[in-house]
Amino acid sequence: MGIAELSTILLIIFGLLGVVILFSFIPVGLWISALAAGVKIGIMNLIGMRLRRVPPAKIVMPLIKADKAGIPVTVNQLEAHYLAGGNVDRVVDAMIAAERANIPLPFERAAAIDLAGRNVLEAVQMSVNPKVIETPVISAVAKDGIEVKAIARVTVRANIDRLVGGAGEQTIMARVGEGVVTTVGSADSHKAVLENPDLISRTVLGKGLDSGTAFEILSIDIADVDVGRNIGAQLQTDQAEADKRIAQAKAEERRAMAVAREQEMKAAVQEMRAKVVEAEAQVPEAMAQALREGKLGVMDYYNMQNIMADTQMRDTISKVGPKGDGSSLGKGSDGNKTE
């Protein structure tokens, strides 16, 4: 193989590699598809998308769908929305769905809704086909103290004009629950609520609960109403139990104070007895001092001893009784001992 033939083969290889690289960088296939669909887009625009790191397929294919559906959008609008972090394909699908449903939805509003984090296509579908939201069990208490449990079904439709900045489904459910509690709580009897559950629907629906939300409430239906506990009686029982515990605590406090007072009195008695013993212990010392000083004679001392002995004997006789049977008196006419 000569040098000329080898050079020719190398040129062919490098040429093929160049073509492959060129076609991989320039989406010629998308350009041909756009031309076949009647969408005018320059090859330089596609190259610019590559340089701006925008996948051309995410712009060209939605542009073709919008053109076929008669939606007026431009390449710059779609590319700007993609660079802003939006979902171009979903926005175009939402605009096509809105066009078919005769709902005014310009590109700027659809892009704003998408960038706000809401599913614009789902919002358009909900505008055409309203959604039913079922609340959890709502407990309310009527004026007679009986608990009423209700489940409400709220039919809502998306409001395209309030999707940006409007509150979501959780706000609707919270407002409906608040309305049910208020309506049941203002009823004089739980029987009135059970007889006319539509009273809840009419009252709650008339409060304008969809104000400031991204939805429009079409209807509120009470799916289930049931009677719960007797809250009034239970509260009275709990109050009575609490009062009883308070009374018991106060009684225990008084008893503890009485016991403490009793112990204090016993301690005082022991203290007084100790003083008496101390005073009695000083008597012999005083008598001895009186004998030493001559203020008390020996005969006086013996006379005092005799008096004390006589007093002790009389006390013993009075305790034992005249017959020694432990009674101070005789038997009565009935044979029983009398004191």
C-alpha atoms as a PDB file:
ATOM      1  CA  MET A   1       0.000   0.000   0.000  1.00  0.00           C
ATOM      2  CA  GLY A   2       1.430   3.296  -1.086  1.00  0.00           C
ATOM      3  CA  ILE A   3       1.625   6.522   0.807  1.00  0.00           C
ATOM      4  CA  ALA A   4      -1.071   8.100  -1.379  1.00  0.00           C
ATOM      5  CA  GLU A   5      -3.560   5.324  -0.652  1.00  0.00           C
ATOM      6  CA  LEU A   6      -2.831   5.504   3.119  1.00  0.00           C
ATOM      7  CA  SER A   7      -3.344   9.267   3.057  1.00  0.00           C
ATOM      8  CA  THR A   8      -6.652   8.833   1.256  1.00  0.00           C
ATOM      9  CA  ILE A   9      -7.878   6.295   3.858  1.00  0.00           C
ATOM     10  CA  LEU A  10      -6.866   8.606   6.719  1.00  0.00           C
ATOM     11  CA  LEU A  11      -8.656  11.514   5.090  1.00  0.00           C
ATOM     12  CA  ILE A  12     -11.807   9.418   4.701  1.00  0.00           C
ATOM     13  CA  ILE A  13     -11.627   8.313   8.354  1.00  0.00           C
ATOM     14  CA  PHE A  14     -11.085  11.839   9.611  1.00  0.00           C
ATOM     15  CA  GLY A  15     -13.864  13.050   7.363  1.00  0.00           C
ATOM     16  CA  LEU A  16     -16.283  10.488   8.738  1.00  0.00           C
ATOM     17  CA  LEU A  17     -15.295  11.365  12.290  1.00  0.00           C
ATOM     18  CA  GLY A  18     -15.802  15.033  11.514  1.00  0.00           C
ATOM     19  CA  VAL A  19     -19.253  14.330  10.068  1.00  0.00           C
ATOM     20  CA  VAL A  20     -20.222  12.241  13.091  1.00  0.00           C
ATOM     21  CA  ILE A  21     -19.022  14.935  15.495  1.00  0.00           C
ATOM     22  CA  LEU A  22     -20.761  17.619  13.473  1.00  0.00           C
ATOM     23  CA  PHE A  23     -24.054  15.757  13.376  1.00  0.00           C
ATOM     24  CA  SER A  24     -23.810  14.932  17.079  1.00  0.00           C
ATOM     25  CA  PHE A  25     -23.292  18.610  17.948  1.00  0.00           C
ATOM     26  CA  ILE A  26     -25.737  19.992  15.396  1.00  0.00           C
ATOM     27  CA  PRO A  27     -29.191  18.353  15.709  1.00  0.00           C
ATOM     28  CA  VAL A  28     -29.792  18.071  12.024  1.00  0.00           C
ATOM     29  CA  GLY A  29     -32.488  15.473  12.612  1.00  0.00           C
ATOM     30  CA  LEU A  30     -34.521  17.881  14.759  1.00  0.00           C
ATOM     31  CA  TRP A  31     -34.019  20.618  12.176  1.00  0.00           C
ATOM     32  CA  ILE A  32     -35.347  18.343   9.460  1.00  0.00           C
ATOM     33  CA  SER A  33     -38.293  17.311  11.671  1.00  0.00           C
ATOM     34  CA  ALA A  34     -39.135  20.965  12.331  1.00  0.00           C
ATOM     35  CA  LEU A  35     -38.985  21.774   8.622  1.00  0.00           C
ATOM     36  CA  ALA A  36     -41.194  18.779   7.841  1.00  0.00           C
ATOM     37  CA  ALA A  37     -43.712  19.986  10.431  1.00  0.00           C
ATOM     38  CA  GLY A  38     -43.738  23.465   8.983  1.00  0.00           C
ATOM     39  CA  VAL A  39     -41.965  25.057  11.939  1.00  0.00           C
ATOM     40  CA  LYS A  40     -39.361  27.573  10.942  1.00  0.00           C
ATOM     41  CA  ILE A  41     -36.276  27.344  13.120  1.00  0.00           C
ATOM     42  CA  GLY A  42     -32.766  28.162  12.018  1.00  0.00           C
ATOM     43  CA  ILE A  43     -29.864  25.763  12.288  1.00  0.00           C
ATOM     44  CA  MET A  44     -27.956  28.495  14.091  1.00  0.00           C
ATOM     45  CA  ASN A  45     -30.657  28.574  16.767  1.00  0.00           C
ATOM     46  CA  LEU A  46     -30.104  24.877  17.379  1.00  0.00           C
ATOM     47  CA  ILE A  47     -26.354  25.390  17.584  1.00  0.00           C
ATOM     48  CA  GLY A  48     -26.937  28.264  20.025  1.00  0.00           C
ATOM     49  CA  MET A  49     -29.054  25.959  22.215  1.00  0.00           C
ATOM     50  CA  ARG A  50     -26.148  23.517  22.334  1.00  0.00           C
ATOM     51  CA  LEU A  51     -23.826  26.309  23.383  1.00  0.00           C
ATOM     52  CA  ARG A  52     -26.300  27.480  26.066  1.00  0.00           C
ATOM     53  CA  ARG A  53     -26.591  23.865  27.296  1.00  0.00           C
ATOM     54  CA  VAL A  54     -30.253  23.651  26.390  1.00  0.00           C
ATOM     55  CA  PRO A  55     -31.341  20.275  24.975  1.00  0.00           C
ATOM     56  CA  PRO A  56     -32.799  21.187  21.551  1.00  0.00           C
ATOM     57  CA  ALA A  57     -35.304  18.321  21.727  1.00  0.00           C
ATOM     58  CA  LYS A  58     -36.948  19.875  24.831  1.00  0.00           C
ATOM     59  CA  ILE A  59     -37.598  23.026  22.834  1.00  0.00           C
ATOM     60  CA  VAL A  60     -38.239  21.797  19.297  1.00  0.00           C
ATOM     61  CA  MET A  61     -40.757  19.063  20.103  1.00  0.00           C
ATOM     62  CA  PRO A  62     -43.015  21.294  22.301  1.00  0.00           C
ATOM     63  CA  LEU A  63     -42.703  23.998  19.618  1.00  0.00           C
ATOM     64  CA  ILE A  64     -43.956  21.550  16.995  1.00  0.00           C
ATOM     65  CA  LYS A  65     -46.914  20.536  19.241  1.00  0.00           C
ATOM     66  CA  ALA A  66     -47.820  24.166  19.899  1.00  0.00           C
ATOM     67  CA  ASP A  67     -47.633  25.042  16.197  1.00  0.00           C
ATOM     68  CA  LYS A  68     -49.841  22.111  15.214  1.00  0.00           C
ATOM     69  CA  ALA A  69     -52.381  23.117  17.919  1.00  0.00           C
ATOM     70  CA  GLY A  70     -52.353  26.734  16.799  1.00  0.00           C
ATOM     71  CA  ILE A  71     -50.762  28.034  20.015  1.00  0.00           C
ATOM     72  CA  PRO A  72     -48.675  31.181  19.392  1.00  0.00           C
ATOM     73  CA  VAL A  73     -45.334  30.625  21.144  1.00  0.00           C
ATOM     74  CA  THR A  74     -41.800  31.438  20.128  1.00  0.00           C
ATOM     75  CA  VAL A  75     -38.495  29.676  20.513  1.00  0.00           C
ATOM     76  CA  ASN A  76     -37.188  32.404  22.801  1.00  0.00           C
ATOM     77  CA  GLN A  77     -40.166  32.042  25.177  1.00  0.00           C
ATOM     78  CA  LEU A  78     -39.742  28.296  25.452  1.00  0.00           C
ATOM     79  CA  GLU A  79     -35.982  28.510  25.869  1.00  0.00           C
ATOM     80  CA  ALA A  80     -36.267  31.248  28.517  1.00  0.00           C
ATOM     81  CA  HIS A  81     -38.785  29.180  30.455  1.00  0.00           C
ATOM     82  CA  TYR A  82     -36.485  26.148  30.348  1.00  0.00           C
ATOM     83  CA  LEU A  83     -33.504  28.184  31.541  1.00  0.00           C
ATOM     84  CA  ALA A  84     -35.665  29.486  34.414  1.00  0.00           C
ATOM     85  CA  GLY A  85     -36.202  25.910  35.582  1.00  0.00           C
ATOM     86  CA  GLY A  86     -39.660  25.343  34.148  1.00  0.00           C
ATOM     87  CA  ASN A  87     -41.184  22.329  32.449  1.00  0.00           C
ATOM     88  CA  VAL A  88     -41.665  23.430  28.839  1.00  0.00           C
ATOM     89  CA  ASP A  89     -43.469  20.301  27.684  1.00  0.00           C
ATOM     90  CA  ARG A  90     -46.028  20.473  30.539  1.00  0.00           C
ATOM     91  CA  VAL A  91     -46.701  24.162  29.917  1.00  0.00           C
ATOM     92  CA  VAL A  92     -47.380  23.549  26.223  1.00  0.00           C
ATOM     93  CA  ASP A  93     -49.635  20.580  27.029  1.00  0.00           C
ATOM     94  CA  ALA A  94     -51.564  22.741  29.515  1.00  0.00           C
ATOM     95  CA  MET A  95     -52.003  25.502  26.938  1.00  0.00           C
ATOM     96  CA  ILE A  96     -53.289  22.987  24.376  1.00  0.00           C
ATOM     97  CA  ALA A  97     -55.727  21.517  26.901  1.00  0.00           C
ATOM     98  CA  ALA A  98     -56.923  25.001  27.885  1.00  0.00           C
ATOM     99  CA  GLU A  99     -57.388  25.935  24.232  1.00  0.00           C
ATOM    100  CA  ARG A 100     -59.512  22.844  23.652  1.00  0.00           C
ATOM    101  CA  ALA A 101     -61.584  23.585  26.770  1.00  0.00           C
ATOM    102  CA  ASN A 102     -62.045  27.227  25.770  1.00  0.00           C
ATOM    103  CA  ILE A 103     -60.169  28.459  28.845  1.00  0.00           C
ATOM    104  CA  PRO A 104     -58.028  31.579  28.344  1.00  0.00           C
ATOM    105  CA  LEU A 105     -54.457  30.686  29.297  1.00  0.00           C
ATOM    106  CA  PRO A 106     -51.682  32.773  27.752  1.00  0.00           C
ATOM    107  CA  PHE A 107     -48.108  31.544  27.829  1.00  0.00           C
ATOM    108  CA  GLU A 108     -46.932  34.060  30.439  1.00  0.00           C
ATOM    109  CA  ARG A 109     -49.593  32.961  32.946  1.00  0.00           C
ATOM    110  CA  ALA A 110     -48.975  29.281  32.291  1.00  0.00           C
ATOM    111  CA  ALA A 111     -45.228  29.791  32.737  1.00  0.00           C
ATOM    112  CA  ALA A 112     -45.793  31.734  35.968  1.00  0.00           C
ATOM    113  CA  ILE A 113     -47.998  28.958  37.361  1.00  0.00           C
ATOM    114  CA  ASP A 114     -45.398  26.348  36.430  1.00  0.00           C
ATOM    115  CA  LEU A 115     -42.534  28.312  37.979  1.00  0.00           C
ATOM    116  CA  ALA A 116     -44.627  28.797  41.143  1.00  0.00           C
ATOM    117  CA  GLY A 117     -44.373  25.044  41.706  1.00  0.00           C
ATOM    118  CA  ARG A 118     -47.903  24.085  40.703  1.00  0.00           C
ATOM    119  CA  ASN A 119     -48.830  21.532  38.070  1.00  0.00           C
ATOM    120  CA  VAL A 120     -50.402  23.758  35.461  1.00  0.00           C
ATOM    121  CA  LEU A 121     -51.622  20.806  33.378  1.00  0.00           C
ATOM    122  CA  GLU A 122     -53.348  19.274  36.399  1.00  0.00           C
ATOM    123  CA  ALA A 123     -54.901  22.665  37.170  1.00  0.00           C
ATOM    124  CA  VAL A 124     -56.362  22.899  33.672  1.00  0.00           C
ATOM    125  CA  GLN A 125     -57.669  19.347  33.913  1.00  0.00           C
ATOM    126  CA  MET A 126     -59.236  20.173  37.303  1.00  0.00           C
ATOM    127  CA  SER A 127     -60.890  23.215  35.754  1.00  0.00           C
ATOM    128  CA  VAL A 128     -62.562  20.926  33.223  1.00  0.00           C
ATOM    129  CA  ASN A 129     -63.148  17.994  35.570  1.00  0.00           C
ATOM    130  CA  PRO A 130     -63.746  19.204  39.170  1.00  0.00           C
ATOM    131  CA  LYS A 131     -62.065  17.331  42.003  1.00  0.00           C
ATOM    132  CA  VAL A 132     -63.780  15.910  45.089  1.00  0.00           C
ATOM    133  CA  ILE A 133     -61.937  16.355  48.390  1.00  0.00           C
ATOM    134  CA  GLU A 134     -63.097  14.258  51.347  1.00  0.00           C
ATOM    135  CA  THR A 135     -62.401  15.623  54.782  1.00  0.00           C
ATOM    136  CA  PRO A 136     -61.459  13.422  57.734  1.00  0.00           C
ATOM    137  CA  VAL A 137     -63.968  12.852  60.533  1.00  0.00           C
ATOM    138  CA  ILE A 138     -64.897  16.239  62.011  1.00  0.00           C
ATOM    139  CA  SER A 139     -66.027  16.221  65.661  1.00  0.00           C
ATOM    140  CA  ALA A 140     -68.269  19.010  66.923  1.00  0.00           C
ATOM    141  CA  VAL A 141     -70.441  19.491  70.014  1.00  0.00           C
ATOM    142  CA  ALA A 142     -73.972  20.892  69.958  1.00  0.00           C
ATOM    143  CA  LYS A 143     -75.378  23.106  72.719  1.00  0.00           C
ATOM    144  CA  ASP A 144     -76.967  20.099  74.454  1.00  0.00           C
ATOM    145  CA  GLY A 145     -73.493  18.603  74.998  1.00  0.00           C
ATOM    146  CA  ILE A 146     -73.805  15.742  72.484  1.00  0.00           C
ATOM    147  CA  GLU A 147     -70.900  15.148  70.112  1.00  0.00           C
ATOM    148  CA  VAL A 148     -71.660  14.970  66.376  1.00  0.00           C
ATOM    149  CA  LYS A 149     -69.195  13.400  63.942  1.00  0.00           C
ATOM    150  CA  ALA A 150     -69.428  14.384  60.272  1.00  0.00           C
ATOM    151  CA  ILE A 151     -67.576  13.668  57.037  1.00  0.00           C
ATOM    152  CA  ALA A 152     -67.855  16.240  54.248  1.00  0.00           C
ATOM    153  CA  ARG A 153     -67.106  15.941  50.531  1.00  0.00           C
ATOM    154  CA  VAL A 154     -66.040  19.202  48.906  1.00  0.00           C
ATOM    155  CA  THR A 155     -66.224  19.555  45.127  1.00  0.00           C
ATOM    156  CA  VAL A 156     -63.686  22.119  43.936  1.00  0.00           C
ATOM    157  CA  ARG A 157     -62.583  23.481  40.601  1.00  0.00           C
ATOM    158  CA  ALA A 158     -59.198  25.068  39.968  1.00  0.00           C
ATOM    159  CA  ASN A 159     -59.226  28.816  39.502  1.00  0.00           C
ATOM    160  CA  ILE A 160     -56.555  29.639  36.930  1.00  0.00           C
ATOM    161  CA  ASP A 161     -56.478  33.310  37.896  1.00  0.00           C
ATOM    162  CA  ARG A 162     -55.667  32.528  41.566  1.00  0.00           C
ATOM    163  CA  LEU A 163     -53.238  29.647  41.112  1.00  0.00           C
ATOM    164  CA  VAL A 164     -50.262  31.934  41.695  1.00  0.00           C
ATOM    165  CA  GLY A 165     -50.317  32.900  45.374  1.00  0.00           C
ATOM    166  CA  GLY A 166     -53.560  31.079  46.178  1.00  0.00           C
ATOM    167  CA  ALA A 167     -53.902  28.688  49.110  1.00  0.00           C
ATOM    168  CA  GLY A 168     -54.100  24.939  48.514  1.00  0.00           C
ATOM    169  CA  GLU A 169     -56.343  22.022  49.429  1.00  0.00           C
ATOM    170  CA  GLN A 170     -55.265  21.959  53.083  1.00  0.00           C
ATOM    171  CA  THR A 171     -56.682  25.441  53.577  1.00  0.00           C
ATOM    172  CA  ILE A 172     -59.987  24.386  52.017  1.00  0.00           C
ATOM    173  CA  MET A 173     -60.223  21.367  54.331  1.00  0.00           C
ATOM    174  CA  ALA A 174     -59.340  23.445  57.399  1.00  0.00           C
ATOM    175  CA  ARG A 175     -61.982  26.059  56.566  1.00  0.00           C
ATOM    176  CA  VAL A 176     -64.643  23.430  55.921  1.00  0.00           C
ATOM    177  CA  GLY A 177     -63.829  21.755  59.250  1.00  0.00           C
ATOM    178  CA  GLU A 178     -64.070  25.096  61.018  1.00  0.00           C
ATOM    179  CA  GLY A 179     -67.418  25.802  59.358  1.00  0.00           C
ATOM    180  CA  VAL A 180     -68.827  22.403  60.369  1.00  0.00           C
ATOM    181  CA  VAL A 181     -67.733  22.887  63.978  1.00  0.00           C
ATOM    182  CA  THR A 182     -69.260  26.366  64.074  1.00  0.00           C
ATOM    183  CA  THR A 183     -72.553  25.226  62.535  1.00  0.00           C
ATOM    184  CA  VAL A 184     -72.966  22.220  64.832  1.00  0.00           C
ATOM    185  CA  GLY A 185     -71.891  24.226  67.866  1.00  0.00           C
ATOM    186  CA  SER A 186     -74.567  26.856  67.209  1.00  0.00           C
ATOM    187  CA  ALA A 187     -77.329  24.215  66.970  1.00  0.00           C
ATOM    188  CA  ASP A 188     -79.559  23.946  70.056  1.00  0.00           C
ATOM    189  CA  SER A 189     -79.745  20.166  69.816  1.00  0.00           C
ATOM    190  CA  HIS A 190     -77.843  17.445  68.024  1.00  0.00           C
ATOM    191  CA  LYS A 191     -81.177  16.124  66.793  1.00  0.00           C
ATOM    192  CA  ALA A 192     -81.618  19.210  64.630  1.00  0.00           C
ATOM    193  CA  VAL A 193     -78.297  18.467  62.938  1.00  0.00           C
ATOM    194  CA  LEU A 194     -79.208  14.821  62.359  1.00  0.00           C
ATOM    195  CA  GLU A 195     -82.595  15.771  60.932  1.00  0.00           C
ATOM    196  CA  ASN A 196     -81.211  18.390  58.536  1.00  0.00           C
ATOM    197  CA  PRO A 197     -77.585  17.664  57.603  1.00  0.00           C
ATOM    198  CA  ASP A 198     -77.989  19.971  54.605  1.00  0.00           C
ATOM    199  CA  LEU A 199     -78.118  22.806  57.125  1.00  0.00           C
ATOM    200  CA  ILE A 200     -74.380  22.317  57.544  1.00  0.00           C
ATOM    201  CA  SER A 201     -73.824  22.391  53.781  1.00  0.00           C
ATOM    202  CA  ARG A 202     -75.813  25.579  53.249  1.00  0.00           C
ATOM    203  CA  THR A 203     -74.254  27.403  56.184  1.00  0.00           C
ATOM    204  CA  VAL A 204     -70.671  26.419  55.365  1.00  0.00           C
ATOM    205  CA  LEU A 205     -71.073  27.094  51.637  1.00  0.00           C
ATOM    206  CA  GLY A 206     -72.401  30.573  52.364  1.00  0.00           C
ATOM    207  CA  LYS A 207     -69.260  31.568  54.270  1.00  0.00           C
ATOM    208  CA  GLY A 208     -67.157  32.041  51.105  1.00  0.00           C
ATOM    209  CA  LEU A 209     -64.506  29.557  52.124  1.00  0.00           C
ATOM    210  CA  ASP A 210     -62.738  29.669  48.742  1.00  0.00           C
ATOM    211  CA  SER A 211     -61.666  33.276  49.234  1.00  0.00           C
ATOM    212  CA  GLY A 212     -57.922  33.639  48.728  1.00  0.00           C
ATOM    213  CA  THR A 213     -57.491  30.038  47.581  1.00  0.00           C
ATOM    214  CA  ALA A 214     -56.559  28.561  44.217  1.00  0.00           C
ATOM    215  CA  PHE A 215     -59.922  26.796  43.966  1.00  0.00           C
ATOM    216  CA  GLU A 216     -63.567  27.532  43.535  1.00  0.00           C
ATOM    217  CA  ILE A 217     -65.922  25.524  45.756  1.00  0.00           C
ATOM    218  CA  LEU A 218     -68.824  24.164  43.755  1.00  0.00           C
ATOM    219  CA  SER A 219     -70.610  22.216  46.490  1.00  0.00           C
ATOM    220  CA  ILE A 220     -70.203  20.868  50.011  1.00  0.00           C
ATOM    221  CA  ASP A 221     -71.992  17.611  50.738  1.00  0.00           C
ATOM    222  CA  ILE A 222     -72.246  15.847  54.094  1.00  0.00           C
ATOM    223  CA  ALA A 223     -71.379  12.224  53.403  1.00  0.00           C
ATOM    224  CA  ASP A 224     -71.905  10.851  56.908  1.00  0.00           C
ATOM    225  CA  VAL A 225     -73.266  12.100  60.242  1.00  0.00           C
ATOM    226  CA  ASP A 226     -73.028  10.123  63.450  1.00  0.00           C
ATOM    227  CA  VAL A 227     -73.631  10.705  67.152  1.00  0.00           C
ATOM    228  CA  GLY A 228     -70.615  10.486  69.421  1.00  0.00           C
ATOM    229  CA  ARG A 229     -70.127  10.840  73.144  1.00  0.00           C
ATOM    230  CA  ASN A 230     -72.118  12.880  75.636  1.00  0.00           C
ATOM    231  CA  ILE A 231     -69.445  15.489  76.118  1.00  0.00           C
ATOM    232  CA  GLY A 232     -71.560  17.589  78.493  1.00  0.00           C
ATOM    233  CA  ALA A 233     -72.151  14.713  80.891  1.00  0.00           C
ATOM    234  CA  GLN A 234     -68.536  13.657  80.682  1.00  0.00           C
ATOM    235  CA  LEU A 235     -67.388  17.186  81.510  1.00  0.00           C
ATOM    236  CA  GLN A 236     -69.721  17.306  84.501  1.00  0.00           C
ATOM    237  CA  THR A 237     -68.434  13.926  85.677  1.00  0.00           C
ATOM    238  CA  ASP A 238     -64.847  15.066  85.315  1.00  0.00           C
ATOM    239  CA  GLN A 239     -65.650  18.277  87.198  1.00  0.00           C
ATOM    240  CA  ALA A 240     -67.321  16.325  90.004  1.00  0.00           C
ATOM    241  CA  GLU A 241     -64.336  13.997  90.211  1.00  0.00           C
ATOM    242  CA  ALA A 242     -61.992  16.966  90.328  1.00  0.00           C
ATOM    243  CA  ASP A 243     -64.068  18.599  93.085  1.00  0.00           C
ATOM    244  CA  LYS A 244     -64.008  15.337  95.061  1.00  0.00           C
ATOM    245  CA  ARG A 245     -60.244  15.118  94.785  1.00  0.00           C
ATOM    246  CA  ILE A 246     -59.901  18.729  95.906  1.00  0.00           C
ATOM    247  CA  ALA A 247     -62.153  18.057  98.912  1.00  0.00           C
ATOM    248  CA  GLN A 248     -60.171  14.929  99.767  1.00  0.00           C
ATOM    249  CA  ALA A 249     -56.931  16.852  99.526  1.00  0.00           C
ATOM    250  CA  LYS A 250     -58.265  19.585 101.811  1.00  0.00           C
ATOM    251  CA  ALA A 251     -59.553  16.982 104.300  1.00  0.00           C
ATOM    252  CA  GLU A 252     -56.174  15.246 104.270  1.00  0.00           C
ATOM    253  CA  GLU A 253     -54.524  18.583 104.856  1.00  0.00           C
ATOM    254  CA  ARG A 254     -56.769  19.253 107.878  1.00  0.00           C
ATOM    255  CA  ARG A 255     -56.110  15.746 109.223  1.00  0.00           C
ATOM    256  CA  ALA A 256     -52.360  16.226 108.861  1.00  0.00           C
ATOM    257  CA  MET A 257     -52.608  19.547 110.676  1.00  0.00           C
ATOM    258  CA  ALA A 258     -54.601  17.892 113.481  1.00  0.00           C
ATOM    259  CA  VAL A 259     -52.030  15.100 113.797  1.00  0.00           C
ATOM    260  CA  ALA A 260     -49.260  17.651 113.882  1.00  0.00           C
ATOM    261  CA  ARG A 261     -51.127  19.632 116.549  1.00  0.00           C
ATOM    262  CA  GLU A 262     -51.613  16.467 118.587  1.00  0.00           C
ATOM    263  CA  GLN A 263     -47.917  15.698 118.437  1.00  0.00           C
ATOM    264  CA  GLU A 264     -47.154  19.262 119.470  1.00  0.00           C
ATOM    265  CA  MET A 265     -49.487  18.942 122.474  1.00  0.00           C
ATOM    266  CA  LYS A 266     -47.881  15.640 123.487  1.00  0.00           C
ATOM    267  CA  ALA A 267     -44.476  17.253 123.287  1.00  0.00           C
ATOM    268  CA  ALA A 268     -45.764  20.146 125.407  1.00  0.00           C
ATOM    269  CA  VAL A 269     -47.131  17.688 128.020  1.00  0.00           C
ATOM    270  CA  GLN A 270     -43.792  15.894 128.182  1.00  0.00           C
ATOM    271  CA  GLU A 271     -42.062  19.234 128.573  1.00  0.00           C
ATOM    272  CA  MET A 272     -44.368  20.207 131.455  1.00  0.00           C
ATOM    273  CA  ARG A 273     -43.815  16.810 133.120  1.00  0.00           C
ATOM    274  CA  ALA A 274     -40.092  17.314 132.860  1.00  0.00           C
ATOM    275  CA  LYS A 275     -40.495  20.678 134.581  1.00  0.00           C
ATOM    276  CA  VAL A 276     -42.584  19.029 137.333  1.00  0.00           C
ATOM    277  CA  VAL A 277     -39.919  16.353 137.851  1.00  0.00           C
ATOM    278  CA  GLU A 278     -37.294  19.027 137.964  1.00  0.00           C
ATOM    279  CA  ALA A 279     -39.314  20.966 140.522  1.00  0.00           C
ATOM    280  CA  GLU A 280     -39.901  17.818 142.631  1.00  0.00           C
ATOM    281  CA  ALA A 281     -36.177  17.110 142.554  1.00  0.00           C
ATOM    282  CA  GLN A 282     -35.541  20.494 144.143  1.00  0.00           C
ATOM    283  CA  VAL A 283     -37.839  19.797 147.154  1.00  0.00           C
ATOM    284  CA  PRO A 284     -35.381  17.517 149.059  1.00  0.00           C
ATOM    285  CA  GLU A 285     -32.597  20.010 148.445  1.00  0.00           C
ATOM    286  CA  ALA A 286     -34.776  22.817 149.791  1.00  0.00           C
ATOM    287  CA  MET A 287     -35.706  20.756 152.891  1.00  0.00           C
ATOM    288  CA  ALA A 288     -32.062  19.907 153.544  1.00  0.00           C
ATOM    289  CA  GLN A 289     -31.150  23.554 153.218  1.00  0.00           C
ATOM    290  CA  ALA A 290     -33.958  24.466 155.621  1.00  0.00           C
ATOM    291  CA  LEU A 291     -32.702  21.881 158.178  1.00  0.00           C
ATOM    292  CA  ARG A 292     -29.148  23.218 157.924  1.00  0.00           C
ATOM    293  CA  GLU A 293     -30.268  26.771 158.415  1.00  0.00           C
ATOM    294  CA  GLY A 294     -32.589  25.868 161.315  1.00  0.00           C
ATOM    295  CA  LYS A 295     -35.703  26.996 159.590  1.00  0.00           C
ATOM    296  CA  LEU A 296     -37.167  23.473 159.818  1.00  0.00           C
ATOM    297  CA  GLY A 297     -36.977  21.310 162.920  1.00  0.00           C
ATOM    298  CA  VAL A 298     -36.578  17.565 163.120  1.00  0.00           C
ATOM    299  CA  MET A 299     -40.033  17.102 164.652  1.00  0.00           C
ATOM    300  CA  ASP A 300     -41.528  19.204 161.916  1.00  0.00           C
ATOM    301  CA  TYR A 301     -39.854  16.967 159.376  1.00  0.00           C
ATOM    302  CA  TYR A 302     -41.220  13.788 161.086  1.00  0.00           C
ATOM    303  CA  ASN A 303     -44.713  15.253 161.308  1.00  0.00           C
ATOM    304  CA  MET A 304     -44.608  16.016 157.591  1.00  0.00           C
ATOM    305  CA  GLN A 305     -43.503  12.433 156.882  1.00  0.00           C
ATOM    306  CA  ASN A 306     -46.401  11.090 158.998  1.00  0.00           C
ATOM    307  CA  ILE A 307     -48.871  13.297 157.139  1.00  0.00           C
ATOM    308  CA  MET A 308     -47.527  12.064 153.801  1.00  0.00           C
ATOM    309  CA  ALA A 309     -47.773   8.428 154.945  1.00  0.00           C
ATOM    310  CA  ASP A 310     -51.361   8.938 156.138  1.00  0.00           C
ATOM    311  CA  THR A 311     -52.248  10.593 152.840  1.00  0.00           C
ATOM    312  CA  GLN A 312     -50.721   7.719 150.877  1.00  0.00           C
ATOM    313  CA  MET A 313     -52.633   5.160 153.020  1.00  0.00           C
ATOM    314  CA  ARG A 314     -55.929   6.950 152.471  1.00  0.00           C
ATOM    315  CA  ASP A 315     -55.302   7.016 148.725  1.00  0.00           C
ATOM    316  CA  THR A 316     -54.578   3.288 148.751  1.00  0.00           C
ATOM    317  CA  ILE A 317     -57.735   2.493 150.765  1.00  0.00           C
ATOM    318  CA  SER A 318     -59.870   4.619 148.476  1.00  0.00           C
ATOM    319  CA  LYS A 319     -58.545   2.808 145.411  1.00  0.00           C
ATOM    320  CA  VAL A 320     -58.840  -0.766 146.861  1.00  0.00           C
ATOM    321  CA  GLY A 321     -62.284  -0.326 148.528  1.00  0.00           C
ATOM    322  CA  PRO A 322     -63.532  -1.304 152.013  1.00  0.00           C
ATOM    323  CA  LYS A 323     -63.838  -5.024 151.128  1.00  0.00           C
ATOM    324  CA  GLY A 324     -60.681  -5.288 149.103  1.00  0.00           C
ATOM    325  CA  ASP A 325     -62.537  -6.206 145.856  1.00  0.00           C
ATOM    326  CA  GLY A 326     -61.380  -3.122 143.982  1.00  0.00           C
ATOM    327  CA  SER A 327     -64.655  -1.243 144.377  1.00  0.00           C
ATOM    328  CA  SER A 328     -65.193   1.754 146.566  1.00  0.00           C
ATOM    329  CA  LEU A 329     -68.919   0.981 147.023  1.00  0.00           C
ATOM    330  CA  GLY A 330     -71.027  -2.093 147.686  1.00  0.00           C
ATOM    331  CA  LYS A 331     -73.314  -4.006 145.303  1.00  0.00           C
ATOM    332  CA  GLY A 332     -76.554  -2.546 144.167  1.00  0.00           C
ATOM    333  CA  SER A 333     -80.031  -4.021 144.439  1.00  0.00           C
ATOM    334  CA  ASP A 334     -79.526  -5.821 141.127  1.00  0.00           C
ATOM    335  CA  GLY A 335     -76.393  -7.579 142.359  1.00  0.00           C
ATOM    336  CA  ASN A 336     -74.081  -5.578 140.095  1.00  0.00           C
ATOM    337  CA  LYS A 337     -71.207  -3.497 141.323  1.00  0.00           C
ATOM    338  CA  THR A 338     -71.797   0.185 141.429  1.00  0.00           C
ATOM    339  CA  GLU A 339     -69.100   2.814 141.286  1.00  0.00           C
END
